[in-house]
Amino acid sequence: MDHIDAMDQLRQGIHLRAYGGTDPLREYQFEGYEMFNEMIATIQEEVANYIMKAQIETNQERQAVVDEDKISTSGEPAEKRPVKRDEQIGRNDLCPCGSGKKYKHCHGQNA
């Protein structure tokens, strides 16, 4: 947020550079780039400080994620079957209602 405020202040005062004979747009780009690099360096420094000051706590005991009762005793995973869907109707196929129209012009308009 500080960077955004500083960029707004820079934008407000950059027009005075035109009186000095310099291109205000180039000055704004240059100073904005410098401010951005300073912000990135500050962020990196703060992150490094936080990492250096961090204290490692002892590992907590793991909690059981799966109930022991739900695991099958045979050691084999439960049989999984794929879900079968009804026959898919294409957009340009005839509508199954028997109207003789294409599905997209009959019941497919609601879908």
Protein backbone atom coordinates (compact mmCIF):
# COMPACT_ATOMS: atom_id res chain seq x y z
CA MET A 1 0.00 0.00 0.00
CA ASP A 2 2.88 2.36 0.74
CA HIS A 3 4.26 1.76 -2.76
CA ILE A 4 0.90 2.58 -4.33
CA ASP A 5 0.65 5.79 -2.30
CA ALA A 6 4.20 6.76 -3.27
CA MET A 7 3.45 6.11 -6.96
CA ASP A 8 0.35 8.31 -6.70
CA GLN A 9 2.39 11.13 -5.16
CA LEU A 10 5.02 10.73 -7.89
CA ARG A 11 2.30 10.96 -10.55
CA GLN A 12 0.96 14.14 -8.98
CA GLY A 13 4.35 15.87 -8.92
CA ILE A 14 5.94 14.57 -12.13
CA HIS A 15 4.44 17.33 -14.32
CA LEU A 16 6.88 19.80 -12.79
CA ARG A 17 9.74 17.96 -14.51
CA ALA A 18 8.55 19.33 -17.86
CA TYR A 19 9.61 22.81 -16.73
CA GLY A 20 13.13 21.46 -16.23
CA GLY A 21 13.33 20.36 -19.86
CA THR A 22 13.00 16.61 -19.29
CA ASP A 23 10.32 14.27 -20.58
CA PRO A 24 7.91 13.68 -17.68
CA LEU A 25 6.86 10.26 -18.98
CA ARG A 26 10.43 8.94 -19.08
CA GLU A 27 11.15 10.40 -15.65
CA TYR A 28 8.00 8.76 -14.26
CA GLN A 29 8.97 5.40 -15.74
CA PHE A 30 12.53 5.65 -14.44
CA GLU A 31 11.59 6.73 -10.92
CA GLY A 32 8.72 4.23 -10.76
CA TYR A 33 11.11 1.45 -11.72
CA GLU A 34 13.57 2.55 -9.04
CA MET A 35 10.79 2.67 -6.43
CA PHE A 36 9.65 -0.79 -7.45
CA ASN A 37 13.16 -2.20 -7.09
CA GLU A 38 13.43 -0.61 -3.64
CA MET A 39 10.11 -2.19 -2.65
CA ILE A 40 11.24 -5.64 -3.83
CA ALA A 41 14.55 -5.28 -1.93
CA THR A 42 12.66 -4.28 1.22
CA ILE A 43 10.33 -7.26 0.91
CA GLN A 44 13.26 -9.63 0.43
CA GLU A 45 15.02 -8.16 3.46
CA GLU A 46 11.91 -8.50 5.63
CA VAL A 47 11.38 -12.10 4.52
CA ALA A 48 15.01 -12.90 5.34
CA ASN A 49 14.59 -11.33 8.80
CA TYR A 50 11.43 -13.35 9.46
CA ILE A 51 13.16 -16.56 8.36
CA MET A 52 16.17 -15.88 10.58
CA LYS A 53 13.96 -15.16 13.59
CA ALA A 54 11.70 -18.17 13.07
CA GLN A 55 11.82 -20.86 15.71
CA ILE A 56 11.24 -24.46 14.86
CA GLU A 57 8.79 -26.18 17.14
CA THR A 58 8.83 -29.89 17.82
CA ASN A 59 6.68 -32.03 15.59
CA GLN A 60 3.28 -32.73 16.95
CA GLU A 61 2.00 -36.27 17.03
CA ARG A 62 0.13 -37.27 13.94
CA GLN A 63 -3.56 -37.85 14.25
CA ALA A 64 -5.26 -40.76 12.59
CA VAL A 65 -6.91 -39.54 9.41
CA VAL A 66 -8.79 -42.74 8.65
CA ASP A 67 -10.74 -44.67 11.22
CA GLU A 68 -9.27 -48.09 11.87
CA ASP A 69 -12.75 -49.66 11.73
CA LYS A 70 -13.34 -48.54 8.14
CA ILE A 71 -10.22 -50.22 6.77
CA SER A 72 -10.93 -53.67 5.36
CA THR A 73 -9.13 -56.45 7.23
CA SER A 74 -8.44 -58.50 4.10
CA GLY A 75 -5.85 -55.98 2.94
CA GLU A 76 -7.44 -55.66 -0.48
CA PRO A 77 -9.02 -52.38 -1.54
CA ALA A 78 -12.78 -52.32 -1.88
CA GLU A 79 -13.98 -53.08 -5.37
CA LYS A 80 -14.74 -49.91 -7.30
CA ARG A 81 -16.96 -49.96 -10.30
CA PRO A 82 -17.22 -47.18 -12.87
CA VAL A 83 -20.42 -45.24 -12.96
CA LYS A 84 -22.35 -45.99 -16.11
CA ARG A 85 -24.21 -43.12 -17.68
CA ASP A 86 -27.16 -43.29 -19.97
CA GLU A 87 -26.60 -43.01 -23.69
CA GLN A 88 -25.50 -39.50 -24.61
CA ILE A 89 -27.59 -37.69 -27.19
CA GLY A 90 -25.69 -35.55 -29.66
CA ARG A 91 -26.85 -32.05 -30.50
CA ASN A 92 -27.55 -32.93 -34.13
CA ASP A 93 -29.16 -36.33 -33.45
CA LEU A 94 -32.89 -36.77 -33.73
CA CYS A 95 -34.74 -36.02 -30.51
CA PRO A 96 -35.79 -39.19 -28.64
CA CYS A 97 -39.30 -37.78 -28.05
CA GLY A 98 -40.17 -38.68 -31.65
CA SER A 99 -40.89 -35.17 -32.94
CA GLY A 100 -38.51 -35.60 -35.87
CA LYS A 101 -36.59 -32.44 -34.98
CA LYS A 102 -32.94 -32.27 -34.06
CA TYR A 103 -32.30 -32.49 -30.33
CA LYS A 104 -30.83 -28.97 -30.21
CA HIS A 105 -34.09 -27.51 -31.60
CA CYS A 106 -36.42 -29.63 -29.47
CA HIS A 107 -35.55 -30.64 -25.89
CA GLY A 108 -31.93 -29.51 -26.17
CA GLN A 109 -32.92 -25.85 -25.96
CA ASN A 110 -33.65 -26.19 -22.25
CA ALA A 111 -30.33 -27.87 -21.50
